[in-house]
Amino acid sequence: MQRALEALDYPGYWIATPNGMEGHTERHVYRYKIDHTDGKVFNFVGYCLHRKTGHENRVSNYCSRDLNRTDAMDIQHRFMQYVVTGKEH
């Protein structure tokens, strides 16, 4: 069992901060924002901060508008897994 755990290699992790969740990898810091608009409509935006340059960009693969609650939580889950595993889901 220990050898199987040692073989796992995940490049990223998430921590809870006073401003929300932050994802960390060697070169980037990730965050996301879920905006609740009129009624039951949500917008999800993922951001990536480059540690070396200090520039922050949107992660366009994980930005969506006019979502219901279930779809917004699904994108959040996929974005968090992308940061941890380094692979698109």
Protein backbone atom coordinates (compact mmCIF):
# COMPACT_ATOMS: atom_id res chain seq x y z
CA MET A 1 0.00 0.00 0.00
CA GLN A 2 2.81 2.41 0.87
CA ARG A 3 4.49 1.88 -2.50
CA ALA A 4 1.22 2.59 -4.29
CA LEU A 5 0.89 5.86 -2.38
CA GLU A 6 4.49 6.82 -3.14
CA ALA A 7 3.81 6.33 -6.85
CA LEU A 8 1.10 9.01 -6.85
CA ASP A 9 2.32 12.27 -8.30
CA TYR A 10 -0.04 15.23 -8.12
CA PRO A 11 1.44 18.58 -9.16
CA GLY A 12 -1.09 20.79 -7.35
CA TYR A 13 -3.09 21.25 -4.20
CA TRP A 14 -5.81 23.54 -2.77
CA ILE A 15 -5.82 25.49 0.49
CA ALA A 16 -8.54 27.51 2.21
CA THR A 17 -7.73 31.19 2.71
CA PRO A 18 -9.82 34.02 4.18
CA ASN A 19 -10.59 35.07 0.58
CA GLY A 20 -11.72 31.60 -0.52
CA MET A 21 -9.98 28.59 -2.01
CA GLU A 22 -6.53 28.88 -3.63
CA GLY A 23 -4.94 26.27 -5.84
CA HIS A 24 -1.16 26.03 -5.98
CA THR A 25 1.25 24.44 -8.42
CA GLU A 26 4.96 25.02 -8.87
CA ARG A 27 4.49 27.95 -11.27
CA HIS A 28 0.91 29.15 -10.75
CA VAL A 29 -1.69 30.14 -8.17
CA TYR A 30 -5.32 29.48 -9.11
CA ARG A 31 -8.59 30.86 -7.81
CA TYR A 32 -12.17 30.94 -8.96
CA LYS A 33 -15.24 33.09 -8.55
CA ILE A 34 -18.87 32.04 -8.69
CA ASP A 35 -21.24 34.97 -9.19
CA HIS A 36 -24.91 34.58 -8.42
CA THR A 37 -26.91 36.71 -10.84
CA ASP A 38 -30.66 37.10 -11.19
CA GLY A 39 -32.77 34.21 -9.97
CA LYS A 40 -31.04 30.85 -10.16
CA VAL A 41 -28.36 31.83 -12.68
CA PHE A 42 -24.63 31.53 -11.92
CA ASN A 43 -21.42 32.60 -13.65
CA PHE A 44 -18.14 30.74 -13.06
CA VAL A 45 -14.71 32.27 -13.76
CA GLY A 46 -11.36 30.58 -13.12
CA TYR A 47 -8.17 32.62 -12.76
CA CYS A 48 -4.48 31.75 -12.99
CA LEU A 49 -1.73 33.92 -11.47
CA HIS A 50 1.78 33.35 -12.85
CA ARG A 51 4.14 33.45 -9.87
CA LYS A 52 7.17 34.63 -11.83
CA THR A 53 5.57 37.53 -13.73
CA GLY A 54 2.68 38.39 -11.43
CA HIS A 55 0.21 38.46 -14.34
CA GLU A 56 -3.25 37.05 -13.77
CA ASN A 57 -5.32 35.59 -16.61
CA ARG A 58 -8.69 33.94 -16.93
CA VAL A 59 -8.65 30.22 -17.63
CA SER A 60 -11.01 30.27 -20.61
CA ASN A 61 -11.70 26.52 -20.53
CA TYR A 62 -13.25 27.04 -17.10
CA CYS A 63 -15.28 30.20 -17.63
CA SER A 64 -19.02 29.90 -18.21
CA ARG A 65 -22.09 32.09 -17.95
CA ASP A 66 -25.78 31.50 -17.35
CA LEU A 67 -25.37 28.21 -15.48
CA ASN A 68 -27.72 26.52 -13.07
CA ARG A 69 -26.39 25.57 -9.64
CA THR A 70 -25.57 21.97 -10.62
CA ASP A 71 -23.57 22.98 -13.69
CA ALA A 72 -21.66 25.64 -11.72
CA MET A 73 -20.68 23.06 -9.10
CA ASP A 74 -19.65 20.64 -11.86
CA ILE A 75 -17.32 23.21 -13.44
CA GLN A 76 -15.91 24.04 -10.01
CA HIS A 77 -15.18 20.36 -9.40
CA ARG A 78 -13.51 19.94 -12.81
CA PHE A 79 -11.43 23.11 -12.32
CA MET A 80 -10.22 21.95 -8.92
CA GLN A 81 -9.28 18.54 -10.32
CA TYR A 82 -7.47 20.21 -13.23
CA VAL A 83 -5.25 22.09 -10.77
CA VAL A 84 -4.50 19.01 -8.68
CA THR A 85 -3.89 16.54 -11.51
CA GLY A 86 -2.67 18.91 -14.23
CA LYS A 87 -5.03 17.23 -16.74
CA GLU A 88 -8.26 18.36 -18.41
CA HIS A 89 -11.38 16.53 -17.18
